[in-house]
Amino acid sequence: METALRVDAEVQATLVTRLRRIQGQVEGLQRMLTDGRDCAEIAQQVAAARAALNRVAIDLITAGLERCIQLEIEGMPQAAKARSKLKKTFLMFR
């Protein structure tokens, strides 16, 4: 049985707010492109949106790892598998 790792309500609210901000950035990128803005300017904004998405992912992984530690302390054996999965996911961000 696999343990579903869910973030608490406070973390979820923070991440949803961040994702909405990123959504606005992406919409702005689309406007910049269709308005014929400078390539370097658009690329700079793409980099900012990517960094923001990476931050969301890192915060999710951190919350998941914290939950895994809590589950391991409580003696839940499936937490080690979830922790391993999160570790692999984290390594994708190198």
N, C-alpha and C. Protein backbone atom coordinates (compact mmCIF):
# COMPACT_ATOMS: atom_id res chain seq x y z
N MET A 1 0.85 -1.19 0.00
CA MET A 1 0.00 0.00 0.00
C MET A 1 0.89 1.25 0.00
N GLU A 2 0.65 2.12 -0.94
CA GLU A 2 1.46 3.33 -1.06
C GLU A 2 0.81 4.47 -0.28
N THR A 3 1.65 5.27 0.36
CA THR A 3 1.16 6.40 1.13
C THR A 3 1.05 7.62 0.23
N ALA A 4 -0.11 8.21 0.17
CA ALA A 4 -0.29 9.45 -0.58
C ALA A 4 0.20 10.60 0.29
N LEU A 5 1.12 11.36 -0.25
CA LEU A 5 1.65 12.49 0.50
C LEU A 5 0.91 13.75 0.07
N ARG A 6 0.21 14.33 1.00
CA ARG A 6 -0.54 15.55 0.71
C ARG A 6 0.03 16.68 1.56
N VAL A 7 -0.03 17.88 0.99
CA VAL A 7 0.46 19.03 1.73
C VAL A 7 -0.66 19.57 2.62
N ASP A 8 -0.26 20.22 3.71
CA ASP A 8 -1.29 20.77 4.59
C ASP A 8 -1.92 22.00 3.94
N ALA A 9 -3.00 22.45 4.51
CA ALA A 9 -3.81 23.52 3.92
C ALA A 9 -3.03 24.82 3.75
N GLU A 10 -2.18 25.14 4.70
CA GLU A 10 -1.41 26.39 4.62
C GLU A 10 -0.42 26.35 3.46
N VAL A 11 0.30 25.25 3.33
CA VAL A 11 1.25 25.10 2.22
C VAL A 11 0.50 25.10 0.90
N GLN A 12 -0.62 24.41 0.86
CA GLN A 12 -1.43 24.36 -0.36
C GLN A 12 -1.87 25.76 -0.78
N ALA A 13 -2.34 26.54 0.15
CA ALA A 13 -2.79 27.90 -0.16
C ALA A 13 -1.64 28.75 -0.71
N THR A 14 -0.48 28.62 -0.10
CA THR A 14 0.69 29.37 -0.56
C THR A 14 1.06 28.96 -1.98
N LEU A 15 1.06 27.66 -2.23
CA LEU A 15 1.44 27.17 -3.56
C LEU A 15 0.41 27.54 -4.62
N VAL A 16 -0.85 27.50 -4.28
CA VAL A 16 -1.89 27.90 -5.24
C VAL A 16 -1.72 29.37 -5.60
N THR A 17 -1.44 30.21 -4.60
CA THR A 17 -1.20 31.63 -4.86
C THR A 17 -0.01 31.81 -5.80
N ARG A 18 1.06 31.07 -5.52
CA ARG A 18 2.25 31.15 -6.36
C ARG A 18 1.96 30.69 -7.79
N LEU A 19 1.21 29.60 -7.92
CA LEU A 19 0.86 29.09 -9.25
C LEU A 19 -0.02 30.06 -10.03
N ARG A 20 -0.90 30.75 -9.33
CA ARG A 20 -1.72 31.76 -10.01
C ARG A 20 -0.86 32.92 -10.51
N ARG A 21 0.14 33.28 -9.72
CA ARG A 21 1.07 34.33 -10.14
C ARG A 21 1.85 33.87 -11.38
N ILE A 22 2.26 32.62 -11.38
CA ILE A 22 2.98 32.06 -12.52
C ILE A 22 2.08 32.02 -13.75
N GLN A 23 0.82 31.67 -13.53
CA GLN A 23 -0.15 31.67 -14.63
C GLN A 23 -0.23 33.05 -15.26
N GLY A 24 -0.24 34.08 -14.43
CA GLY A 24 -0.24 35.45 -14.93
C GLY A 24 1.03 35.76 -15.71
N GLN A 25 2.17 35.24 -15.21
CA GLN A 25 3.44 35.44 -15.92
C GLN A 25 3.38 34.81 -17.31
N VAL A 26 2.84 33.60 -17.38
CA VAL A 26 2.76 32.89 -18.66
C VAL A 26 1.82 33.63 -19.62
N GLU A 27 0.71 34.12 -19.10
CA GLU A 27 -0.19 34.92 -19.94
C GLU A 27 0.51 36.17 -20.44
N GLY A 28 1.31 36.79 -19.58
CA GLY A 28 2.10 37.95 -19.98
C GLY A 28 3.11 37.60 -21.06
N LEU A 29 3.72 36.43 -20.93
CA LEU A 29 4.66 35.97 -21.96
C LEU A 29 3.97 35.82 -23.32
N GLN A 30 2.78 35.28 -23.31
CA GLN A 30 2.03 35.13 -24.56
C GLN A 30 1.76 36.50 -25.18
N ARG A 31 1.38 37.46 -24.35
CA ARG A 31 1.13 38.82 -24.87
C ARG A 31 2.41 39.43 -25.41
N MET A 32 3.51 39.26 -24.68
CA MET A 32 4.79 39.79 -25.13
C MET A 32 5.16 39.24 -26.50
N LEU A 33 4.95 37.95 -26.67
CA LEU A 33 5.29 37.30 -27.93
C LEU A 33 4.42 37.81 -29.07
N THR A 34 3.12 37.85 -28.84
CA THR A 34 2.21 38.31 -29.91
C THR A 34 2.35 39.80 -30.17
N ASP A 35 2.83 40.57 -29.19
CA ASP A 35 3.06 42.00 -29.38
C ASP A 35 4.40 42.29 -30.05
N GLY A 36 5.18 41.25 -30.28
CA GLY A 36 6.46 41.42 -30.96
C GLY A 36 7.55 42.05 -30.09
N ARG A 37 7.51 41.76 -28.79
CA ARG A 37 8.52 42.32 -27.88
C ARG A 37 9.88 41.70 -28.16
N ASP A 38 10.90 42.31 -27.62
CA ASP A 38 12.28 41.89 -27.80
C ASP A 38 12.50 40.46 -27.30
N CYS A 39 13.23 39.64 -28.08
CA CYS A 39 13.49 38.23 -27.73
C CYS A 39 14.16 38.09 -26.38
N ALA A 40 15.17 38.91 -26.12
CA ALA A 40 15.90 38.81 -24.86
C ALA A 40 15.00 39.12 -23.68
N GLU A 41 14.13 40.09 -23.86
CA GLU A 41 13.18 40.47 -22.80
C GLU A 41 12.22 39.32 -22.50
N ILE A 42 11.73 38.67 -23.56
CA ILE A 42 10.82 37.54 -23.38
C ILE A 42 11.56 36.38 -22.71
N ALA A 43 12.77 36.10 -23.17
CA ALA A 43 13.55 35.00 -22.60
C ALA A 43 13.82 35.23 -21.11
N GLN A 44 14.06 36.47 -20.74
CA GLN A 44 14.30 36.80 -19.33
C GLN A 44 13.06 36.48 -18.50
N GLN A 45 11.90 36.79 -19.04
CA GLN A 45 10.66 36.50 -18.33
C GLN A 45 10.37 35.00 -18.29
N VAL A 46 10.76 34.27 -19.34
CA VAL A 46 10.63 32.81 -19.33
C VAL A 46 11.48 32.23 -18.20
N ALA A 47 12.71 32.75 -18.06
CA ALA A 47 13.60 32.29 -16.99
C ALA A 47 12.99 32.56 -15.62
N ALA A 48 12.35 33.70 -15.47
CA ALA A 48 11.71 34.03 -14.19
C ALA A 48 10.56 33.07 -13.90
N ALA A 49 9.76 32.74 -14.91
CA ALA A 49 8.65 31.81 -14.73
C ALA A 49 9.17 30.41 -14.40
N ARG A 50 10.24 29.99 -15.06
CA ARG A 50 10.83 28.68 -14.76
C ARG A 50 11.33 28.63 -13.33
N ALA A 51 11.99 29.69 -12.90
CA ALA A 51 12.50 29.73 -11.52
C ALA A 51 11.35 29.64 -10.52
N ALA A 52 10.26 30.32 -10.83
CA ALA A 52 9.09 30.29 -9.94
C ALA A 52 8.49 28.88 -9.89
N LEU A 53 8.41 28.21 -11.03
CA LEU A 53 7.91 26.83 -11.05
C LEU A 53 8.83 25.89 -10.29
N ASN A 54 10.13 26.09 -10.44
CA ASN A 54 11.08 25.27 -9.68
C ASN A 54 10.89 25.46 -8.19
N ARG A 55 10.62 26.68 -7.78
CA ARG A 55 10.40 26.96 -6.36
C ARG A 55 9.16 26.23 -5.84
N VAL A 56 8.10 26.19 -6.65
CA VAL A 56 6.90 25.46 -6.27
C VAL A 56 7.24 23.97 -6.09
N ALA A 57 7.99 23.42 -7.03
CA ALA A 57 8.35 22.01 -6.96
C ALA A 57 9.20 21.72 -5.72
N ILE A 58 10.17 22.58 -5.45
CA ILE A 58 11.03 22.39 -4.29
C ILE A 58 10.22 22.46 -3.00
N ASP A 59 9.29 23.40 -2.93
CA ASP A 59 8.44 23.51 -1.74
C ASP A 59 7.56 22.27 -1.57
N LEU A 60 7.07 21.73 -2.68
CA LEU A 60 6.28 20.49 -2.62
C LEU A 60 7.13 19.32 -2.13
N ILE A 61 8.33 19.21 -2.67
CA ILE A 61 9.22 18.12 -2.27
C ILE A 61 9.59 18.26 -0.79
N THR A 62 9.87 19.48 -0.37
CA THR A 62 10.20 19.72 1.04
C THR A 62 9.05 19.31 1.95
N ALA A 63 7.84 19.71 1.58
CA ALA A 63 6.66 19.35 2.39
C ALA A 63 6.49 17.83 2.41
N GLY A 64 6.72 17.19 1.28
CA GLY A 64 6.61 15.73 1.22
C GLY A 64 7.64 15.04 2.08
N LEU A 65 8.88 15.54 2.03
CA LEU A 65 9.94 14.95 2.85
C LEU A 65 9.64 15.12 4.34
N GLU A 66 9.13 16.29 4.70
CA GLU A 66 8.76 16.51 6.11
C GLU A 66 7.69 15.51 6.54
N ARG A 67 6.73 15.28 5.65
CA ARG A 67 5.67 14.31 5.95
C ARG A 67 6.24 12.89 6.06
N CYS A 68 7.17 12.55 5.16
CA CYS A 68 7.81 11.22 5.22
C CYS A 68 8.52 11.01 6.55
N ILE A 69 9.23 12.01 6.98
CA ILE A 69 9.95 11.90 8.26
C ILE A 69 8.95 11.68 9.39
N GLN A 70 7.86 12.43 9.35
CA GLN A 70 6.83 12.27 10.37
C GLN A 70 6.26 10.85 10.35
N LEU A 71 5.99 10.33 9.15
CA LEU A 71 5.44 8.98 9.03
C LEU A 71 6.45 7.93 9.49
N GLU A 72 7.72 8.15 9.18
CA GLU A 72 8.75 7.20 9.62
C GLU A 72 8.85 7.18 11.14
N ILE A 73 8.78 8.34 11.75
CA ILE A 73 8.80 8.42 13.22
C ILE A 73 7.62 7.67 13.80
N GLU A 74 6.47 7.73 13.11
CA GLU A 74 5.27 7.03 13.56
C GLU A 74 5.31 5.53 13.25
N GLY A 75 6.41 5.09 12.60
CA GLY A 75 6.57 3.67 12.33
C GLY A 75 5.88 3.16 11.07
N MET A 76 5.60 4.05 10.13
CA MET A 76 4.95 3.66 8.88
C MET A 76 6.01 3.21 7.87
N PRO A 77 6.07 1.92 7.55
CA PRO A 77 7.13 1.41 6.67
C PRO A 77 7.05 1.94 5.23
N GLN A 78 5.86 2.27 4.76
CA GLN A 78 5.71 2.76 3.38
C GLN A 78 6.29 4.16 3.19
N ALA A 79 6.62 4.85 4.26
CA ALA A 79 7.19 6.19 4.17
C ALA A 79 8.56 6.16 3.49
N ALA A 80 9.32 5.11 3.67
CA ALA A 80 10.65 5.02 3.05
C ALA A 80 10.52 4.99 1.53
N LYS A 81 9.53 4.29 1.02
CA LYS A 81 9.30 4.24 -0.43
C LYS A 81 8.91 5.62 -0.96
N ALA A 82 8.05 6.31 -0.25
CA ALA A 82 7.64 7.66 -0.65
C ALA A 82 8.82 8.61 -0.61
N ARG A 83 9.66 8.48 0.41
CA ARG A 83 10.85 9.33 0.53
C ARG A 83 11.80 9.10 -0.64
N SER A 84 11.98 7.84 -1.02
CA SER A 84 12.84 7.49 -2.14
C SER A 84 12.31 8.10 -3.45
N LYS A 85 11.01 8.04 -3.62
CA LYS A 85 10.37 8.63 -4.81
C LYS A 85 10.60 10.14 -4.84
N LEU A 86 10.46 10.80 -3.71
CA LEU A 86 10.71 12.24 -3.64
C LEU A 86 12.16 12.58 -3.92
N LYS A 87 13.06 11.75 -3.45
CA LYS A 87 14.49 11.96 -3.70
C LYS A 87 14.77 11.91 -5.20
N LYS A 88 14.21 10.92 -5.88
CA LYS A 88 14.38 10.81 -7.33
C LYS A 88 13.80 12.04 -8.04
N THR A 89 12.66 12.49 -7.58
CA THR A 89 12.04 13.67 -8.17
C THR A 89 12.92 14.90 -7.96
N PHE A 90 13.45 15.04 -6.77
CA PHE A 90 14.34 16.17 -6.47
C PHE A 90 15.55 16.18 -7.39
N LEU A 91 16.12 15.01 -7.63
CA LEU A 91 17.31 14.92 -8.47
C LEU A 91 17.04 15.32 -9.93
N MET A 92 15.80 15.32 -10.35
CA MET A 92 15.46 15.80 -11.69
C MET A 92 15.69 17.30 -11.85
N PHE A 93 15.84 18.01 -10.75
CA PHE A 93 15.99 19.47 -10.78
C PHE A 93 17.44 19.91 -10.84
N ARG A 94 18.37 19.00 -11.01
CA ARG A 94 19.77 19.38 -11.11
C ARG A 94 20.06 20.00 -12.43
